[in-house]
Amino acid sequence: MTMGLGDHKLAVSGPTLASMIQRLSSSTADVDGLLFGHVTYIAPSTLPDDPSQASPDSQLLATISGFLCFPSLLSFYDSHGRVDPSRLSSTTPLIGWFSSRRKTPLRPSMREFSVTRSLSSTPSLSLPIQNSDPESLFAPSIFLLFTTPLQDQFIQTNQYRAFHFQSSRPCFNPLSVDVVNIGPAFRGHYGSFSPTSVLPFLSCELRSLTPMNEDRNEETLIGMKQAEKDQSLLDTCAEGMQVGRLSRLIGPEATNYTSGLEDLYEKMLLKTESLARLVEASSAKVLEQENHNRKLRYKLARSVGVE
């Protein structure tokens, strides 16, 4: 059984949306691509006591978790809007596609209508709906359109609008877009969060490194070596974070050490920024070396009389 979103919502994280806009803005021409993510069934949180009152409707929430941008149009479909399933991966959860064009009205074109219709009618691309009946499937029927204003602006401006294709009576229905950010108001969105890059497995059970007597010297030495190994693993993800502090972030007392968790995340971000700066510096050196080699080749060609 295939279900549609109806008048429900589309969610996307702030960094994902910003990454999409940056990628589209930096392209030299109109582009399109695929939207990946998952669809979750949200049951009504409250039910009325009075049977005469209508119960609140359940919702389907489609969440964009990633995207793939193609370098040009007609990447997975032909000029008539017919999708070629062989160009799409059936292993990645596909919820729809997007299109970016400049200085055009913010409404779908006939070709975009045909592409969405063809995409949503491909059974092999349907994905299961979380928290729902195992037989309930969702067809990739989300379309996200990006445009720029018809008139030139003093600042770079991007417009976007989301649509859901309703196959029962072929038409587009506008979707509200919920931009999910980090903060107290959005904690409910992270209830089922599972990281794609986990910390290395650590025991977090450090013993005292000070020997009490000669009989415990060997045990203490083993503990010190294990502690150094664990600290080295942790430094690859969060340099400067002491492995001994992780034991306090596990168990019922973890709520008392939220500042320690924030410190862990901060050090992980610092490690990522440090790697980014290192890559940037190495890229600059490579470019400098390429320019130097180009000058040497030019001088050598002139010295031997080769143009």
C-alpha atoms as a PDB file:
ATOM      1  CA  MET A   1       0.000   0.000   0.000  1.00  0.00           C
ATOM      2  CA  THR A   2       1.504   3.316  -1.103  1.00  0.00           C
ATOM      3  CA  MET A   3       0.777   6.425   0.940  1.00  0.00           C
ATOM      4  CA  GLY A   4       1.204  10.125   0.185  1.00  0.00           C
ATOM      5  CA  LEU A   5       1.987  13.101   2.334  1.00  0.00           C
ATOM      6  CA  GLY A   6      -1.274  14.918   1.696  1.00  0.00           C
ATOM      7  CA  ASP A   7      -1.122  18.223   3.570  1.00  0.00           C
ATOM      8  CA  HIS A   8       1.712  17.154   5.858  1.00  0.00           C
ATOM      9  CA  LYS A   9       5.260  18.419   6.282  1.00  0.00           C
ATOM     10  CA  LEU A  10       8.750  18.300   4.867  1.00  0.00           C
ATOM     11  CA  ALA A  11      11.720  18.762   7.216  1.00  0.00           C
ATOM     12  CA  VAL A  12      15.339  19.553   6.405  1.00  0.00           C
ATOM     13  CA  SER A  13      18.209  20.501   8.673  1.00  0.00           C
ATOM     14  CA  GLY A  14      19.680  23.979   8.423  1.00  0.00           C
ATOM     15  CA  PRO A  15      23.177  22.749   7.381  1.00  0.00           C
ATOM     16  CA  THR A  16      21.724  20.477   4.672  1.00  0.00           C
ATOM     17  CA  LEU A  17      19.616  23.289   3.200  1.00  0.00           C
ATOM     18  CA  ALA A  18      22.557  25.707   3.356  1.00  0.00           C
ATOM     19  CA  SER A  19      24.786  23.148   1.626  1.00  0.00           C
ATOM     20  CA  MET A  20      22.234  22.716  -1.153  1.00  0.00           C
ATOM     21  CA  ILE A  21      21.871  26.464  -1.717  1.00  0.00           C
ATOM     22  CA  GLN A  22      25.654  26.913  -1.756  1.00  0.00           C
ATOM     23  CA  ARG A  23      26.062  24.106  -4.282  1.00  0.00           C
ATOM     24  CA  LEU A  24      23.321  25.472  -6.541  1.00  0.00           C
ATOM     25  CA  SER A  25      24.571  29.057  -6.305  1.00  0.00           C
ATOM     26  CA  SER A  26      28.109  28.050  -7.269  1.00  0.00           C
ATOM     27  CA  SER A  27      26.990  26.138 -10.374  1.00  0.00           C
ATOM     28  CA  THR A  28      27.451  27.843 -13.731  1.00  0.00           C
ATOM     29  CA  ALA A  29      24.111  26.664 -15.149  1.00  0.00           C
ATOM     30  CA  ASP A  30      20.759  25.226 -14.143  1.00  0.00           C
ATOM     31  CA  VAL A  31      21.107  21.891 -12.353  1.00  0.00           C
ATOM     32  CA  ASP A  32      18.963  19.232 -10.704  1.00  0.00           C
ATOM     33  CA  GLY A  33      19.463  16.272  -8.399  1.00  0.00           C
ATOM     34  CA  LEU A  34      18.002  13.706  -6.036  1.00  0.00           C
ATOM     35  CA  LEU A  35      16.706  14.016  -2.479  1.00  0.00           C
ATOM     36  CA  PHE A  36      17.444  11.270   0.053  1.00  0.00           C
ATOM     37  CA  GLY A  37      15.903  10.774   3.470  1.00  0.00           C
ATOM     38  CA  HIS A  38      13.111   8.943   5.272  1.00  0.00           C
ATOM     39  CA  VAL A  39       9.394   9.254   5.972  1.00  0.00           C
ATOM     40  CA  THR A  40       7.980   8.874   9.498  1.00  0.00           C
ATOM     41  CA  TYR A  41       4.416   8.246  10.588  1.00  0.00           C
ATOM     42  CA  ILE A  42       3.447  10.576  13.457  1.00  0.00           C
ATOM     43  CA  ALA A  43       0.426   9.419  15.437  1.00  0.00           C
ATOM     44  CA  PRO A  44      -1.830  12.066  17.029  1.00  0.00           C
ATOM     45  CA  SER A  45      -0.532  13.010  20.486  1.00  0.00           C
ATOM     46  CA  THR A  46      -3.980  13.739  21.961  1.00  0.00           C
ATOM     47  CA  LEU A  47      -7.392  12.136  21.546  1.00  0.00           C
ATOM     48  CA  PRO A  48     -10.695  13.871  22.445  1.00  0.00           C
ATOM     49  CA  ASP A  49     -12.834  12.452  25.262  1.00  0.00           C
ATOM     50  CA  ASP A  50     -16.021  13.443  23.484  1.00  0.00           C
ATOM     51  CA  PRO A  51     -16.762  10.891  20.729  1.00  0.00           C
ATOM     52  CA  SER A  52     -18.664  13.557  18.815  1.00  0.00           C
ATOM     53  CA  GLN A  53     -15.465  15.536  18.302  1.00  0.00           C
ATOM     54  CA  ALA A  54     -13.265  14.682  15.390  1.00  0.00           C
ATOM     55  CA  SER A  55      -9.954  13.103  16.362  1.00  0.00           C
ATOM     56  CA  PRO A  56      -6.796  14.923  15.219  1.00  0.00           C
ATOM     57  CA  ASP A  57      -5.301  13.666  11.976  1.00  0.00           C
ATOM     58  CA  SER A  58      -2.099  11.682  11.921  1.00  0.00           C
ATOM     59  CA  GLN A  59       0.826  13.033   9.928  1.00  0.00           C
ATOM     60  CA  LEU A  60       3.566  11.844   7.654  1.00  0.00           C
ATOM     61  CA  LEU A  61       6.838  13.732   8.031  1.00  0.00           C
ATOM     62  CA  ALA A  62       9.334  13.488   5.165  1.00  0.00           C
ATOM     63  CA  THR A  63      12.872  14.376   6.263  1.00  0.00           C
ATOM     64  CA  ILE A  64      15.666  15.276   3.836  1.00  0.00           C
ATOM     65  CA  SER A  65      18.959  13.856   5.114  1.00  0.00           C
ATOM     66  CA  GLY A  66      21.089  14.240   1.985  1.00  0.00           C
ATOM     67  CA  PHE A  67      21.149  15.119  -1.695  1.00  0.00           C
ATOM     68  CA  LEU A  68      22.982  14.394  -4.924  1.00  0.00           C
ATOM     69  CA  CYS A  69      23.504  17.229  -7.393  1.00  0.00           C
ATOM     70  CA  PHE A  70      24.125  16.413 -11.059  1.00  0.00           C
ATOM     71  CA  PRO A  71      26.312  18.712 -13.172  1.00  0.00           C
ATOM     72  CA  SER A  72      23.607  19.301 -15.803  1.00  0.00           C
ATOM     73  CA  LEU A  73      19.940  18.756 -16.567  1.00  0.00           C
ATOM     74  CA  LEU A  74      18.463  15.573 -18.096  1.00  0.00           C
ATOM     75  CA  SER A  75      20.636  13.529 -15.738  1.00  0.00           C
ATOM     76  CA  PHE A  76      18.243  10.688 -14.915  1.00  0.00           C
ATOM     77  CA  TYR A  77      15.359  11.438 -17.311  1.00  0.00           C
ATOM     78  CA  ASP A  78      14.863  12.288 -20.971  1.00  0.00           C
ATOM     79  CA  SER A  79      13.554  15.452 -22.621  1.00  0.00           C
ATOM     80  CA  HIS A  80       9.963  14.220 -22.207  1.00  0.00           C
ATOM     81  CA  GLY A  81      10.373  13.773 -18.446  1.00  0.00           C
ATOM     82  CA  ARG A  82      10.507   9.970 -18.473  1.00  0.00           C
ATOM     83  CA  VAL A  83      12.727   8.626 -15.666  1.00  0.00           C
ATOM     84  CA  ASP A  84      15.326   5.970 -16.414  1.00  0.00           C
ATOM     85  CA  PRO A  85      15.392   3.690 -13.283  1.00  0.00           C
ATOM     86  CA  SER A  86      18.736   2.190 -14.339  1.00  0.00           C
ATOM     87  CA  ARG A  87      20.395   5.527 -13.508  1.00  0.00           C
ATOM     88  CA  LEU A  88      19.052   5.491  -9.956  1.00  0.00           C
ATOM     89  CA  SER A  89      20.243   3.436  -6.996  1.00  0.00           C
ATOM     90  CA  SER A  90      17.552   1.324  -5.343  1.00  0.00           C
ATOM     91  CA  THR A  91      19.656   0.906  -2.167  1.00  0.00           C
ATOM     92  CA  THR A  92      19.535   4.568  -1.149  1.00  0.00           C
ATOM     93  CA  PRO A  93      16.231   5.820   0.341  1.00  0.00           C
ATOM     94  CA  LEU A  94      14.979   8.246  -2.316  1.00  0.00           C
ATOM     95  CA  ILE A  95      12.122  10.578  -1.365  1.00  0.00           C
ATOM     96  CA  GLY A  96      12.122  12.869  -4.406  1.00  0.00           C
ATOM     97  CA  TRP A  97      14.184  15.261  -6.479  1.00  0.00           C
ATOM     98  CA  PHE A  98      14.959  18.962  -6.870  1.00  0.00           C
ATOM     99  CA  SER A  99      15.535  21.454  -9.647  1.00  0.00           C
ATOM    100  CA  SER A 100      17.370  24.769  -9.653  1.00  0.00           C
ATOM    101  CA  ARG A 101      16.895  27.436 -12.313  1.00  0.00           C
ATOM    102  CA  ARG A 102      17.653  31.135 -12.452  1.00  0.00           C
ATOM    103  CA  LYS A 103      15.281  34.064 -13.007  1.00  0.00           C
ATOM    104  CA  THR A 104      12.178  31.949 -13.530  1.00  0.00           C
ATOM    105  CA  PRO A 105       8.809  31.827 -11.753  1.00  0.00           C
ATOM    106  CA  LEU A 106       8.656  29.775  -8.566  1.00  0.00           C
ATOM    107  CA  ARG A 107       6.289  27.155  -9.955  1.00  0.00           C
ATOM    108  CA  PRO A 108       6.854  23.722 -11.529  1.00  0.00           C
ATOM    109  CA  SER A 109       7.169  23.436 -15.280  1.00  0.00           C
ATOM    110  CA  MET A 110       5.470  20.822 -17.455  1.00  0.00           C
ATOM    111  CA  ARG A 111       8.680  18.808 -17.703  1.00  0.00           C
ATOM    112  CA  GLU A 112       9.168  18.904 -13.912  1.00  0.00           C
ATOM    113  CA  PHE A 113       5.573  17.727 -13.546  1.00  0.00           C
ATOM    114  CA  SER A 114       6.273  14.805 -15.905  1.00  0.00           C
ATOM    115  CA  VAL A 115       9.534  13.882 -14.141  1.00  0.00           C
ATOM    116  CA  THR A 116       7.853  13.835 -10.718  1.00  0.00           C
ATOM    117  CA  ARG A 117       4.945  11.813 -12.045  1.00  0.00           C
ATOM    118  CA  SER A 118       7.278   9.279 -13.632  1.00  0.00           C
ATOM    119  CA  LEU A 119       9.483   9.097 -10.517  1.00  0.00           C
ATOM    120  CA  SER A 120       6.559   8.538  -8.147  1.00  0.00           C
ATOM    121  CA  SER A 121       5.120   5.786 -10.374  1.00  0.00           C
ATOM    122  CA  THR A 122       8.279   3.640 -10.254  1.00  0.00           C
ATOM    123  CA  PRO A 123       7.467   0.842  -7.740  1.00  0.00           C
ATOM    124  CA  SER A 124      11.090  -0.226  -7.218  1.00  0.00           C
ATOM    125  CA  LEU A 125      11.923   3.175  -5.698  1.00  0.00           C
ATOM    126  CA  SER A 126       9.247   3.168  -2.967  1.00  0.00           C
ATOM    127  CA  LEU A 127      10.530   3.099   0.616  1.00  0.00           C
ATOM    128  CA  PRO A 128       8.958   1.849   3.877  1.00  0.00           C
ATOM    129  CA  ILE A 129       7.405   4.346   6.285  1.00  0.00           C
ATOM    130  CA  GLN A 130       8.907   4.378   9.759  1.00  0.00           C
ATOM    131  CA  ASN A 131       6.622   3.727  12.765  1.00  0.00           C
ATOM    132  CA  SER A 132       3.932   2.427  10.435  1.00  0.00           C
ATOM    133  CA  ASP A 133       2.567  -0.787   8.979  1.00  0.00           C
ATOM    134  CA  PRO A 134       5.396  -2.735   7.274  1.00  0.00           C
ATOM    135  CA  GLU A 135       3.309  -2.863   4.108  1.00  0.00           C
ATOM    136  CA  SER A 136       2.931   0.919   3.981  1.00  0.00           C
ATOM    137  CA  LEU A 137       5.226   2.407   1.366  1.00  0.00           C
ATOM    138  CA  PHE A 138       6.030   5.928   0.259  1.00  0.00           C
ATOM    139  CA  ALA A 139       6.697   6.707  -3.387  1.00  0.00           C
ATOM    140  CA  PRO A 140       9.429   9.306  -4.128  1.00  0.00           C
ATOM    141  CA  SER A 141       6.980  12.124  -4.819  1.00  0.00           C
ATOM    142  CA  ILE A 142       8.679  15.161  -3.234  1.00  0.00           C
ATOM    143  CA  PHE A 143       9.747  17.989  -5.534  1.00  0.00           C
ATOM    144  CA  LEU A 144      11.850  20.890  -4.233  1.00  0.00           C
ATOM    145  CA  LEU A 145      12.188  23.887  -6.559  1.00  0.00           C
ATOM    146  CA  PHE A 146      14.882  26.572  -6.260  1.00  0.00           C
ATOM    147  CA  THR A 147      14.857  29.823  -8.241  1.00  0.00           C
ATOM    148  CA  THR A 148      16.309  33.310  -8.137  1.00  0.00           C
ATOM    149  CA  PRO A 149      14.300  36.561  -8.456  1.00  0.00           C
ATOM    150  CA  LEU A 150      13.340  37.721 -11.940  1.00  0.00           C
ATOM    151  CA  GLN A 151      15.045  41.061 -11.302  1.00  0.00           C
ATOM    152  CA  ASP A 152      18.673  41.436 -10.240  1.00  0.00           C
ATOM    153  CA  GLN A 153      19.159  42.018  -6.519  1.00  0.00           C
ATOM    154  CA  PHE A 154      21.876  43.872  -4.631  1.00  0.00           C
ATOM    155  CA  ILE A 155      22.419  40.738  -2.556  1.00  0.00           C
ATOM    156  CA  GLN A 156      22.287  37.099  -3.604  1.00  0.00           C
ATOM    157  CA  THR A 157      18.751  35.835  -3.094  1.00  0.00           C
ATOM    158  CA  ASN A 158      17.476  32.276  -3.383  1.00  0.00           C
ATOM    159  CA  GLN A 159      13.847  31.197  -3.304  1.00  0.00           C
ATOM    160  CA  TYR A 160      12.579  27.687  -2.725  1.00  0.00           C
ATOM    161  CA  ARG A 161       9.255  25.910  -2.485  1.00  0.00           C
ATOM    162  CA  ALA A 162       8.369  22.277  -1.844  1.00  0.00           C
ATOM    163  CA  PHE A 163       5.611  20.248  -3.489  1.00  0.00           C
ATOM    164  CA  HIS A 164       4.116  16.803  -3.083  1.00  0.00           C
ATOM    165  CA  PHE A 165       2.828  15.011  -6.154  1.00  0.00           C
ATOM    166  CA  GLN A 166      -0.578  13.421  -5.630  1.00  0.00           C
ATOM    167  CA  SER A 167      -0.912  10.495  -8.032  1.00  0.00           C
ATOM    168  CA  SER A 168      -4.629   9.826  -7.402  1.00  0.00           C
ATOM    169  CA  ARG A 169      -5.530  13.049  -9.212  1.00  0.00           C
ATOM    170  CA  PRO A 170      -2.271  14.099 -10.833  1.00  0.00           C
ATOM    171  CA  CYS A 171      -1.372  17.455  -9.328  1.00  0.00           C
ATOM    172  CA  PHE A 172       1.142  19.222  -7.107  1.00  0.00           C
ATOM    173  CA  ASN A 173       0.229  20.126  -3.519  1.00  0.00           C
ATOM    174  CA  PRO A 174       2.364  22.754  -1.730  1.00  0.00           C
ATOM    175  CA  LEU A 175       4.269  21.498   1.309  1.00  0.00           C
ATOM    176  CA  SER A 176       5.358  23.505   4.325  1.00  0.00           C
ATOM    177  CA  VAL A 177       9.108  23.228   4.938  1.00  0.00           C
ATOM    178  CA  ASP A 178      10.331  22.913   8.524  1.00  0.00           C
ATOM    179  CA  VAL A 179      14.011  23.934   8.805  1.00  0.00           C
ATOM    180  CA  VAL A 180      15.317  21.971  11.756  1.00  0.00           C
ATOM    181  CA  ASN A 181      18.018  23.649  13.825  1.00  0.00           C
ATOM    182  CA  ILE A 182      19.781  22.837  17.062  1.00  0.00           C
ATOM    183  CA  GLY A 183      18.075  24.226  20.156  1.00  0.00           C
ATOM    184  CA  PRO A 184      15.485  23.471  22.845  1.00  0.00           C
ATOM    185  CA  ALA A 185      12.561  23.980  20.472  1.00  0.00           C
ATOM    186  CA  PHE A 186      13.857  21.241  18.147  1.00  0.00           C
ATOM    187  CA  ARG A 187      14.924  18.524  20.602  1.00  0.00           C
ATOM    188  CA  GLY A 188      11.953  16.377  19.637  1.00  0.00           C
ATOM    189  CA  HIS A 189      13.378  15.990  16.131  1.00  0.00           C
ATOM    190  CA  TYR A 190      16.449  14.172  17.486  1.00  0.00           C
ATOM    191  CA  GLY A 191      14.633  11.501  19.518  1.00  0.00           C
ATOM    192  CA  SER A 192      15.582   8.725  17.078  1.00  0.00           C
ATOM    193  CA  PHE A 193      18.977  10.149  16.115  1.00  0.00           C
ATOM    194  CA  SER A 194      21.720   7.637  15.382  1.00  0.00           C
ATOM    195  CA  PRO A 195      25.180   8.946  14.388  1.00  0.00           C
ATOM    196  CA  THR A 196      26.718   7.846  11.119  1.00  0.00           C
ATOM    197  CA  SER A 197      30.226   8.322  12.521  1.00  0.00           C
ATOM    198  CA  VAL A 198      30.441   6.907  16.046  1.00  0.00           C
ATOM    199  CA  LEU A 199      33.177   7.354  18.606  1.00  0.00           C
ATOM    200  CA  PRO A 200      35.674   4.475  18.905  1.00  0.00           C
ATOM    201  CA  PHE A 201      34.767   1.764  21.424  1.00  0.00           C
ATOM    202  CA  LEU A 202      36.266   2.674  24.808  1.00  0.00           C
ATOM    203  CA  SER A 203      35.872   0.933  28.143  1.00  0.00           C
ATOM    204  CA  CYS A 204      35.794   4.227  30.124  1.00  0.00           C
ATOM    205  CA  GLU A 205      36.742   2.299  33.264  1.00  0.00           C
ATOM    206  CA  LEU A 206      40.069   3.745  34.349  1.00  0.00           C
ATOM    207  CA  ARG A 207      41.670   2.497  37.519  1.00  0.00           C
ATOM    208  CA  SER A 208      44.015   4.495  39.686  1.00  0.00           C
ATOM    209  CA  LEU A 209      47.363   4.839  37.984  1.00  0.00           C
ATOM    210  CA  THR A 210      49.231   5.111  41.312  1.00  0.00           C
ATOM    211  CA  PRO A 211      50.494   1.686  42.538  1.00  0.00           C
ATOM    212  CA  MET A 212      49.383   0.772  46.066  1.00  0.00           C
ATOM    213  CA  ASN A 213      51.933  -1.995  46.487  1.00  0.00           C
ATOM    214  CA  GLU A 214      54.364  -4.097  44.490  1.00  0.00           C
ATOM    215  CA  ASP A 215      51.747  -6.795  43.749  1.00  0.00           C
ATOM    216  CA  ARG A 216      49.669  -4.283  41.785  1.00  0.00           C
ATOM    217  CA  ASN A 217      52.509  -2.852  39.731  1.00  0.00           C
ATOM    218  CA  GLU A 218      51.881  -5.175  36.792  1.00  0.00           C
ATOM    219  CA  GLU A 219      48.121  -4.514  36.816  1.00  0.00           C
ATOM    220  CA  THR A 220      48.754  -0.777  36.997  1.00  0.00           C
ATOM    221  CA  LEU A 221      51.181  -0.937  34.061  1.00  0.00           C
ATOM    222  CA  ILE A 222      48.564  -2.736  31.938  1.00  0.00           C
ATOM    223  CA  GLY A 223      45.995  -0.118  32.942  1.00  0.00           C
ATOM    224  CA  MET A 224      48.324   2.708  31.971  1.00  0.00           C
ATOM    225  CA  LYS A 225      48.996   1.184  28.552  1.00  0.00           C
ATOM    226  CA  GLN A 226      45.247   0.687  27.939  1.00  0.00           C
ATOM    227  CA  ALA A 227      44.567   4.270  29.044  1.00  0.00           C
ATOM    228  CA  GLU A 228      47.188   5.592  26.622  1.00  0.00           C
ATOM    229  CA  LYS A 229      45.670   3.506  23.806  1.00  0.00           C
ATOM    230  CA  ASP A 230      42.139   4.717  24.561  1.00  0.00           C
ATOM    231  CA  GLN A 231      43.322   8.326  24.787  1.00  0.00           C
ATOM    232  CA  SER A 232      45.046   8.003  21.422  1.00  0.00           C
ATOM    233  CA  LEU A 233      41.818   6.713  19.846  1.00  0.00           C
ATOM    234  CA  LEU A 234      39.776   9.504  21.390  1.00  0.00           C
ATOM    235  CA  ASP A 235      42.248  12.138  20.181  1.00  0.00           C
ATOM    236  CA  THR A 236      41.445  11.159  16.591  1.00  0.00           C
ATOM    237  CA  CYS A 237      37.878  12.403  17.166  1.00  0.00           C
ATOM    238  CA  ALA A 238      38.104  14.958  19.996  1.00  0.00           C
ATOM    239  CA  GLU A 239      41.637  16.072  20.711  1.00  0.00           C
ATOM    240  CA  GLY A 240      42.050  17.449  24.235  1.00  0.00           C
ATOM    241  CA  MET A 241      39.154  15.488  25.743  1.00  0.00           C
ATOM    242  CA  GLN A 242      40.291  13.250  28.608  1.00  0.00           C
ATOM    243  CA  VAL A 243      39.044   9.679  28.285  1.00  0.00           C
ATOM    244  CA  GLY A 244      38.405   9.476  32.029  1.00  0.00           C
ATOM    245  CA  ARG A 245      35.619  12.037  31.713  1.00  0.00           C
ATOM    246  CA  LEU A 246      33.630   9.766  29.397  1.00  0.00           C
ATOM    247  CA  SER A 247      32.728   7.408  32.255  1.00  0.00           C
ATOM    248  CA  ARG A 248      30.681  10.207  33.805  1.00  0.00           C
ATOM    249  CA  LEU A 249      28.670  10.618  30.605  1.00  0.00           C
ATOM    250  CA  ILE A 250      27.322   7.071  30.797  1.00  0.00           C
ATOM    251  CA  GLY A 251      24.546   5.835  33.067  1.00  0.00           C
ATOM    252  CA  PRO A 252      21.851   7.504  35.170  1.00  0.00           C
ATOM    253  CA  GLU A 253      24.164  10.273  36.392  1.00  0.00           C
ATOM    254  CA  ALA A 254      24.903  11.486  32.872  1.00  0.00           C
ATOM    255  CA  THR A 255      22.296  14.266  33.177  1.00  0.00           C
ATOM    256  CA  ASN A 256      24.480  15.939  35.805  1.00  0.00           C
ATOM    257  CA  TYR A 257      27.361  16.296  33.370  1.00  0.00           C
ATOM    258  CA  THR A 258      25.778  17.960  30.336  1.00  0.00           C
ATOM    259  CA  SER A 259      28.585  20.513  30.307  1.00  0.00           C
ATOM    260  CA  GLY A 260      31.043  17.660  29.814  1.00  0.00           C
ATOM    261  CA  LEU A 261      29.091  16.456  26.797  1.00  0.00           C
ATOM    262  CA  GLU A 262      29.046  19.955  25.347  1.00  0.00           C
ATOM    263  CA  ASP A 263      32.805  20.123  25.889  1.00  0.00           C
ATOM    264  CA  LEU A 264      33.190  16.820  24.030  1.00  0.00           C
ATOM    265  CA  TYR A 265      31.228  18.122  21.044  1.00  0.00           C
ATOM    266  CA  GLU A 266      33.197  21.357  21.074  1.00  0.00           C
ATOM    267  CA  LYS A 267      36.502  19.503  20.945  1.00  0.00           C
ATOM    268  CA  MET A 268      35.210  17.279  18.146  1.00  0.00           C
ATOM    269  CA  LEU A 269      34.323  20.403  16.152  1.00  0.00           C
ATOM    270  CA  LEU A 270      37.751  21.891  16.863  1.00  0.00           C
ATOM    271  CA  LYS A 271      39.363  18.704  15.590  1.00  0.00           C
ATOM    272  CA  THR A 272      37.284  18.885  12.405  1.00  0.00           C
ATOM    273  CA  GLU A 273      38.173  22.562  11.909  1.00  0.00           C
ATOM    274  CA  SER A 274      41.851  21.756  12.429  1.00  0.00           C
ATOM    275  CA  LEU A 275      41.701  19.066   9.736  1.00  0.00           C
ATOM    276  CA  ALA A 276      39.862  21.461   7.403  1.00  0.00           C
ATOM    277  CA  ARG A 277      42.570  24.106   7.860  1.00  0.00           C
ATOM    278  CA  LEU A 278      45.256  21.487   7.239  1.00  0.00           C
ATOM    279  CA  VAL A 279      43.575  20.415   3.985  1.00  0.00           C
ATOM    280  CA  GLU A 280      43.190  24.051   2.929  1.00  0.00           C
ATOM    281  CA  ALA A 281      46.855  24.761   3.618  1.00  0.00           C
ATOM    282  CA  SER A 282      48.009  21.663   1.746  1.00  0.00           C
ATOM    283  CA  SER A 283      45.766  22.553  -1.210  1.00  0.00           C
ATOM    284  CA  ALA A 284      47.329  26.022  -1.327  1.00  0.00           C
ATOM    285  CA  LYS A 285      50.810  24.471  -1.356  1.00  0.00           C
ATOM    286  CA  VAL A 286      49.834  22.115  -4.174  1.00  0.00           C
ATOM    287  CA  LEU A 287      48.487  25.042  -6.211  1.00  0.00           C
ATOM    288  CA  GLU A 288      51.638  27.032  -5.529  1.00  0.00           C
ATOM    289  CA  GLN A 289      53.796  24.099  -6.664  1.00  0.00           C
ATOM    290  CA  GLU A 290      51.708  23.682  -9.830  1.00  0.00           C
ATOM    291  CA  ASN A 291      52.157  27.362 -10.693  1.00  0.00           C
ATOM    292  CA  HIS A 292      55.889  27.061 -10.044  1.00  0.00           C
ATOM    293  CA  ASN A 293      56.154  23.992 -12.303  1.00  0.00           C
ATOM    294  CA  ARG A 294      54.162  25.768 -15.012  1.00  0.00           C
ATOM    295  CA  LYS A 295      56.597  28.700 -14.958  1.00  0.00           C
ATOM    296  CA  LEU A 296      59.565  26.341 -15.135  1.00  0.00           C
ATOM    297  CA  ARG A 297      58.088  24.545 -18.151  1.00  0.00           C
ATOM    298  CA  TYR A 298      57.440  27.892 -19.841  1.00  0.00           C
ATOM    299  CA  LYS A 299      61.033  29.046 -19.256  1.00  0.00           C
ATOM    300  CA  LEU A 300      62.407  25.725 -20.457  1.00  0.00           C
ATOM    301  CA  ALA A 301      60.281  25.849 -23.612  1.00  0.00           C
ATOM    302  CA  ARG A 302      61.520  29.354 -24.406  1.00  0.00           C
ATOM    303  CA  SER A 303      65.148  28.398 -23.772  1.00  0.00           C
ATOM    304  CA  VAL A 304      65.000  25.559 -26.323  1.00  0.00           C
ATOM    305  CA  GLY A 305      62.958  27.614 -28.801  1.00  0.00           C
ATOM    306  CA  VAL A 306      59.686  25.631 -28.459  1.00  0.00           C
ATOM    307  CA  GLU A 307      56.537  27.705 -28.320  1.00  0.00           C
END
